[in-house]
Amino acid sequence: MKPEWWDEAKGALARRDKVLRRLVKAYPDASLRTRGDAFATLARSIVGQQISVRAAQAVWDRLEAHVGGVAPARLVAHDDEALRSEGLSRMKVAYLKDLAARFHDGSIRPRRWARMDDEAVIADLVQVKGIGRWSVEMFLIFHLMRPDVLPVGDLGLRRAIEKNYNNGNALSIDYI
């Protein structure tokens, strides 16, 4: 389900910026859609770090089949080597186990996030091993559907800005 603010924001940006106007016109049906619960969304983020989307999906599918559905209690209970056999590195297993343990023991409480501002959610989640600011910004956008997040460290965003606003020339992060 797309966020309630999506159409209004898309229209406002298209009215103010000719490049965004062209992109909105070219992709009229594009919208944000959330997928999965908070734990699964964050776990997918960890699984997908530094590998292709296709490879990440393959590892996720194997992991899900192996543990019978990716959930905190199931990951906490599984042996590290068994998880590694599904294509996860030692570090990713450690990151997933840390995330799962924090959800399982209640030290991470997702219901609070709706009442917290973006920086507070970021502070809450970067305590988890393997989750940095970029991961939380993606989570804010694609899971919590927050409207005013600009992930300046995102390579895809930077490349899109370079392509559409700077004739394909590289930009420094300071420019954004």
C-alpha atoms as a PDB file:
ATOM      1  CA  MET A   1       0.000   0.000   0.000  1.00  0.00           C
ATOM      2  CA  LYS A   2       1.463   3.367  -0.984  1.00  0.00           C
ATOM      3  CA  PRO A   3       1.847   6.042   1.691  1.00  0.00           C
ATOM      4  CA  GLU A   4      -0.979   8.574   2.067  1.00  0.00           C
ATOM      5  CA  TRP A   5       1.358  11.466   1.300  1.00  0.00           C
ATOM      6  CA  TRP A   6       2.781   9.994  -1.926  1.00  0.00           C
ATOM      7  CA  ASP A   7       0.567  11.582  -4.599  1.00  0.00           C
ATOM      8  CA  GLU A   8       0.644  15.037  -3.018  1.00  0.00           C
ATOM      9  CA  ALA A   9       4.431  14.937  -2.610  1.00  0.00           C
ATOM     10  CA  LYS A  10       4.975  13.668  -6.149  1.00  0.00           C
ATOM     11  CA  GLY A  11       2.814  16.488  -7.526  1.00  0.00           C
ATOM     12  CA  ALA A  12       4.526  19.145  -5.418  1.00  0.00           C
ATOM     13  CA  LEU A  13       7.991  18.017  -6.526  1.00  0.00           C
ATOM     14  CA  ALA A  14       6.924  17.844 -10.173  1.00  0.00           C
ATOM     15  CA  ARG A  15       5.589  21.411 -10.010  1.00  0.00           C
ATOM     16  CA  ARG A  16       8.826  22.742  -8.503  1.00  0.00           C
ATOM     17  CA  ASP A  17      11.480  20.892 -10.510  1.00  0.00           C
ATOM     18  CA  LYS A  18      11.584  20.293 -14.274  1.00  0.00           C
ATOM     19  CA  VAL A  19      13.758  17.172 -13.981  1.00  0.00           C
ATOM     20  CA  LEU A  20      11.427  15.590 -11.445  1.00  0.00           C
ATOM     21  CA  ARG A  21       8.451  16.660 -13.594  1.00  0.00           C
ATOM     22  CA  ARG A  22       9.941  14.696 -16.499  1.00  0.00           C
ATOM     23  CA  LEU A  23      10.620  11.655 -14.303  1.00  0.00           C
ATOM     24  CA  VAL A  24       7.152  11.687 -12.731  1.00  0.00           C
ATOM     25  CA  LYS A  25       5.631  11.876 -16.206  1.00  0.00           C
ATOM     26  CA  ALA A  26       7.857   9.022 -17.456  1.00  0.00           C
ATOM     27  CA  TYR A  27       6.990   6.784 -14.472  1.00  0.00           C
ATOM     28  CA  PRO A  28       3.388   7.670 -13.531  1.00  0.00           C
ATOM     29  CA  ASP A  29       2.712   4.453 -11.631  1.00  0.00           C
ATOM     30  CA  ALA A  30       5.897   4.479  -9.554  1.00  0.00           C
ATOM     31  CA  SER A  31       5.275   4.524  -5.822  1.00  0.00           C
ATOM     32  CA  LEU A  32       6.660   3.288  -2.531  1.00  0.00           C
ATOM     33  CA  ARG A  33       5.393  -0.002  -1.198  1.00  0.00           C
ATOM     34  CA  THR A  34       6.442  -1.630   2.045  1.00  0.00           C
ATOM     35  CA  ARG A  35       7.364  -5.308   2.145  1.00  0.00           C
ATOM     36  CA  GLY A  36       7.533  -7.562   5.148  1.00  0.00           C
ATOM     37  CA  ASP A  37       7.696  -6.874   8.837  1.00  0.00           C
ATOM     38  CA  ALA A  38      10.376  -4.780  10.534  1.00  0.00           C
ATOM     39  CA  PHE A  39      12.599  -7.726  11.425  1.00  0.00           C
ATOM     40  CA  ALA A  40      12.453  -9.288   7.958  1.00  0.00           C
ATOM     41  CA  THR A  41      13.107  -5.927   6.301  1.00  0.00           C
ATOM     42  CA  LEU A  42      16.224  -5.320   8.415  1.00  0.00           C
ATOM     43  CA  ALA A  43      17.404  -8.918   8.035  1.00  0.00           C
ATOM     44  CA  ARG A  44      17.036  -8.644   4.237  1.00  0.00           C
ATOM     45  CA  SER A  45      19.110  -5.481   4.372  1.00  0.00           C
ATOM     46  CA  ILE A  46      21.912  -7.355   6.109  1.00  0.00           C
ATOM     47  CA  VAL A  47      21.722 -10.324   3.738  1.00  0.00           C
ATOM     48  CA  GLY A  48      21.882  -7.989   0.741  1.00  0.00           C
ATOM     49  CA  GLN A  49      24.894  -5.973   1.832  1.00  0.00           C
ATOM     50  CA  GLN A  50      27.597  -5.790  -0.844  1.00  0.00           C
ATOM     51  CA  ILE A  51      26.064  -8.424  -3.146  1.00  0.00           C
ATOM     52  CA  SER A  52      23.781  -8.160  -6.150  1.00  0.00           C
ATOM     53  CA  VAL A  53      20.019  -8.088  -5.784  1.00  0.00           C
ATOM     54  CA  ARG A  54      19.778 -11.470  -7.501  1.00  0.00           C
ATOM     55  CA  ALA A  55      22.404 -13.070  -5.248  1.00  0.00           C
ATOM     56  CA  ALA A  56      20.757 -11.564  -2.158  1.00  0.00           C
ATOM     57  CA  GLN A  57      17.390 -13.018  -3.154  1.00  0.00           C
ATOM     58  CA  ALA A  58      18.934 -16.455  -3.699  1.00  0.00           C
ATOM     59  CA  VAL A  59      20.614 -16.393  -0.267  1.00  0.00           C
ATOM     60  CA  TRP A  60      17.391 -15.128   1.346  1.00  0.00           C
ATOM     61  CA  ASP A  61      15.353 -17.903  -0.267  1.00  0.00           C
ATOM     62  CA  ARG A  62      17.805 -20.560   0.944  1.00  0.00           C
ATOM     63  CA  LEU A  63      17.897 -19.040   4.424  1.00  0.00           C
ATOM     64  CA  GLU A  64      14.107 -18.890   4.618  1.00  0.00           C
ATOM     65  CA  ALA A  65      13.765 -22.507   3.504  1.00  0.00           C
ATOM     66  CA  HIS A  66      16.471 -23.649   5.932  1.00  0.00           C
ATOM     67  CA  VAL A  67      15.046 -21.970   9.049  1.00  0.00           C
ATOM     68  CA  GLY A  68      11.381 -22.376   8.110  1.00  0.00           C
ATOM     69  CA  GLY A  69      10.697 -18.652   7.774  1.00  0.00           C
ATOM     70  CA  VAL A  70      13.055 -15.922   8.891  1.00  0.00           C
ATOM     71  CA  ALA A  71      12.016 -14.884  12.390  1.00  0.00           C
ATOM     72  CA  PRO A  72      14.047 -13.795  15.439  1.00  0.00           C
ATOM     73  CA  ALA A  73      13.482 -16.928  17.531  1.00  0.00           C
ATOM     74  CA  ARG A  74      14.345 -19.202  14.614  1.00  0.00           C
ATOM     75  CA  LEU A  75      17.579 -17.411  13.786  1.00  0.00           C
ATOM     76  CA  VAL A  76      18.678 -17.264  17.413  1.00  0.00           C
ATOM     77  CA  ALA A  77      18.121 -21.014  17.704  1.00  0.00           C
ATOM     78  CA  HIS A  78      20.080 -21.969  14.580  1.00  0.00           C
ATOM     79  CA  ASP A  79      23.714 -22.966  14.548  1.00  0.00           C
ATOM     80  CA  ASP A  80      26.044 -20.422  12.931  1.00  0.00           C
ATOM     81  CA  GLU A  81      27.616 -22.992  10.596  1.00  0.00           C
ATOM     82  CA  ALA A  82      24.199 -24.119   9.400  1.00  0.00           C
ATOM     83  CA  LEU A  83      23.390 -20.516   8.516  1.00  0.00           C
ATOM     84  CA  ARG A  84      26.737 -20.117   6.780  1.00  0.00           C
ATOM     85  CA  SER A  85      25.942 -23.156   4.630  1.00  0.00           C
ATOM     86  CA  GLU A  86      23.127 -21.116   3.069  1.00  0.00           C
ATOM     87  CA  GLY A  87      25.582 -18.575   1.638  1.00  0.00           C
ATOM     88  CA  LEU A  88      26.088 -16.140   4.503  1.00  0.00           C
ATOM     89  CA  SER A  89      29.511 -14.924   5.561  1.00  0.00           C
ATOM     90  CA  ARG A  90      30.616 -15.232   9.191  1.00  0.00           C
ATOM     91  CA  MET A  91      30.051 -11.491   9.644  1.00  0.00           C
ATOM     92  CA  LYS A  92      26.539 -11.587   8.180  1.00  0.00           C
ATOM     93  CA  VAL A  93      25.656 -14.493  10.453  1.00  0.00           C
ATOM     94  CA  ALA A  94      26.926 -12.470  13.432  1.00  0.00           C
ATOM     95  CA  TYR A  95      24.929  -9.434  12.273  1.00  0.00           C
ATOM     96  CA  LEU A  96      21.747 -11.459  11.774  1.00  0.00           C
ATOM     97  CA  LYS A  97      22.174 -13.146  15.139  1.00  0.00           C
ATOM     98  CA  ASP A  98      22.651  -9.774  16.862  1.00  0.00           C
ATOM     99  CA  LEU A  99      19.537  -8.378  15.171  1.00  0.00           C
ATOM    100  CA  ALA A 100      17.525 -11.502  15.977  1.00  0.00           C
ATOM    101  CA  ALA A 101      18.659 -11.528  19.617  1.00  0.00           C
ATOM    102  CA  ARG A 102      17.686  -7.875  20.097  1.00  0.00           C
ATOM    103  CA  PHE A 103      14.224  -8.447  18.612  1.00  0.00           C
ATOM    104  CA  HIS A 104      13.838 -11.696  20.549  1.00  0.00           C
ATOM    105  CA  ASP A 105      14.812 -10.245  23.941  1.00  0.00           C
ATOM    106  CA  GLY A 106      12.787  -7.064  23.419  1.00  0.00           C
ATOM    107  CA  SER A 107      15.683  -4.625  23.469  1.00  0.00           C
ATOM    108  CA  ILE A 108      14.466  -3.490  20.045  1.00  0.00           C
ATOM    109  CA  ARG A 109      10.816  -2.468  20.168  1.00  0.00           C
ATOM    110  CA  PRO A 110       9.510  -1.631  16.685  1.00  0.00           C
ATOM    111  CA  ARG A 111       6.150  -0.318  17.888  1.00  0.00           C
ATOM    112  CA  ARG A 112       7.933   2.725  19.344  1.00  0.00           C
ATOM    113  CA  TRP A 113       9.327   3.815  15.972  1.00  0.00           C
ATOM    114  CA  ALA A 114       6.055   5.318  14.728  1.00  0.00           C
ATOM    115  CA  ARG A 115       6.272   7.854  17.579  1.00  0.00           C
ATOM    116  CA  MET A 116       9.987   8.542  17.193  1.00  0.00           C
ATOM    117  CA  ASP A 117      11.633  11.040  14.865  1.00  0.00           C
ATOM    118  CA  ASP A 118      14.030   9.806  12.181  1.00  0.00           C
ATOM    119  CA  GLU A 119      17.217  10.533  14.119  1.00  0.00           C
ATOM    120  CA  ALA A 120      15.914   8.645  17.161  1.00  0.00           C
ATOM    121  CA  VAL A 121      15.107   5.589  15.009  1.00  0.00           C
ATOM    122  CA  ILE A 122      18.568   5.824  13.467  1.00  0.00           C
ATOM    123  CA  ALA A 123      20.168   5.988  16.927  1.00  0.00           C
ATOM    124  CA  ASP A 124      18.094   2.993  18.043  1.00  0.00           C
ATOM    125  CA  LEU A 125      19.025   0.780  15.101  1.00  0.00           C
ATOM    126  CA  VAL A 126      22.696   1.617  14.525  1.00  0.00           C
ATOM    127  CA  GLN A 127      23.384  -0.143  17.813  1.00  0.00           C
ATOM    128  CA  VAL A 128      22.786  -3.412  15.964  1.00  0.00           C
ATOM    129  CA  LYS A 129      25.948  -4.902  14.491  1.00  0.00           C
ATOM    130  CA  GLY A 130      25.948  -4.567  10.711  1.00  0.00           C
ATOM    131  CA  ILE A 131      23.332  -1.830  10.543  1.00  0.00           C
ATOM    132  CA  GLY A 132      24.617   1.622   9.756  1.00  0.00           C
ATOM    133  CA  ARG A 133      23.021   4.927   8.941  1.00  0.00           C
ATOM    134  CA  TRP A 134      22.410   4.053   5.279  1.00  0.00           C
ATOM    135  CA  SER A 135      20.584   0.836   6.203  1.00  0.00           C
ATOM    136  CA  VAL A 136      18.353   2.717   8.621  1.00  0.00           C
ATOM    137  CA  GLU A 137      17.669   5.470   6.101  1.00  0.00           C
ATOM    138  CA  MET A 138      16.544   2.818   3.616  1.00  0.00           C
ATOM    139  CA  PHE A 139      14.394   1.318   6.378  1.00  0.00           C
ATOM    140  CA  LEU A 140      12.866   4.726   7.142  1.00  0.00           C
ATOM    141  CA  ILE A 141      11.972   5.186   3.482  1.00  0.00           C
ATOM    142  CA  PHE A 142      10.898   1.707   2.454  1.00  0.00           C
ATOM    143  CA  HIS A 143       9.452   0.275   5.658  1.00  0.00           C
ATOM    144  CA  LEU A 144       8.333   3.149   7.846  1.00  0.00           C
ATOM    145  CA  MET A 145       7.435   5.170   4.722  1.00  0.00           C
ATOM    146  CA  ARG A 146       8.905   8.385   6.085  1.00  0.00           C
ATOM    147  CA  PRO A 147       8.550  11.232   3.576  1.00  0.00           C
ATOM    148  CA  ASP A 148      11.546  13.472   4.282  1.00  0.00           C
ATOM    149  CA  VAL A 149      14.583  11.199   4.239  1.00  0.00           C
ATOM    150  CA  LEU A 150      17.456  12.038   1.887  1.00  0.00           C
ATOM    151  CA  PRO A 151      20.076   9.264   2.030  1.00  0.00           C
ATOM    152  CA  VAL A 152      23.036  11.243   0.701  1.00  0.00           C
ATOM    153  CA  GLY A 153      25.325   8.233   1.176  1.00  0.00           C
ATOM    154  CA  ASP A 154      23.254   6.132  -1.243  1.00  0.00           C
ATOM    155  CA  LEU A 155      25.215   5.397  -4.411  1.00  0.00           C
ATOM    156  CA  GLY A 156      22.044   4.916  -6.486  1.00  0.00           C
ATOM    157  CA  LEU A 157      20.740   8.329  -5.459  1.00  0.00           C
ATOM    158  CA  ARG A 158      24.078   9.959  -6.198  1.00  0.00           C
ATOM    159  CA  ARG A 159      24.260   8.338  -9.644  1.00  0.00           C
ATOM    160  CA  ALA A 160      20.678   9.445 -10.416  1.00  0.00           C
ATOM    161  CA  ILE A 161      21.510  13.028  -9.412  1.00  0.00           C
ATOM    162  CA  GLU A 162      24.689  12.954 -11.505  1.00  0.00           C
ATOM    163  CA  LYS A 163      22.802  11.598 -14.517  1.00  0.00           C
ATOM    164  CA  ASN A 164      19.779  13.888 -14.299  1.00  0.00           C
ATOM    165  CA  TYR A 165      21.281  17.107 -12.926  1.00  0.00           C
ATOM    166  CA  ASN A 166      24.984  17.076 -13.761  1.00  0.00           C
ATOM    167  CA  ASN A 167      25.267  15.625 -17.292  1.00  0.00           C
ATOM    168  CA  GLY A 168      26.604  12.347 -15.901  1.00  0.00           C
ATOM    169  CA  ASN A 169      29.578  13.997 -14.229  1.00  0.00           C
ATOM    170  CA  ALA A 170      30.595  12.846 -10.759  1.00  0.00           C
ATOM    171  CA  LEU A 171      29.551  14.905  -7.766  1.00  0.00           C
ATOM    172  CA  SER A 172      31.114  15.072  -4.351  1.00  0.00           C
ATOM    173  CA  ILE A 173      28.865  14.130  -1.447  1.00  0.00           C
ATOM    174  CA  ASP A 174      29.240  17.745  -0.264  1.00  0.00           C
ATOM    175  CA  TYR A 175      27.308  18.889  -3.333  1.00  0.00           C
ATOM    176  CA  ILE A 176      24.251  16.865  -2.387  1.00  0.00           C
END
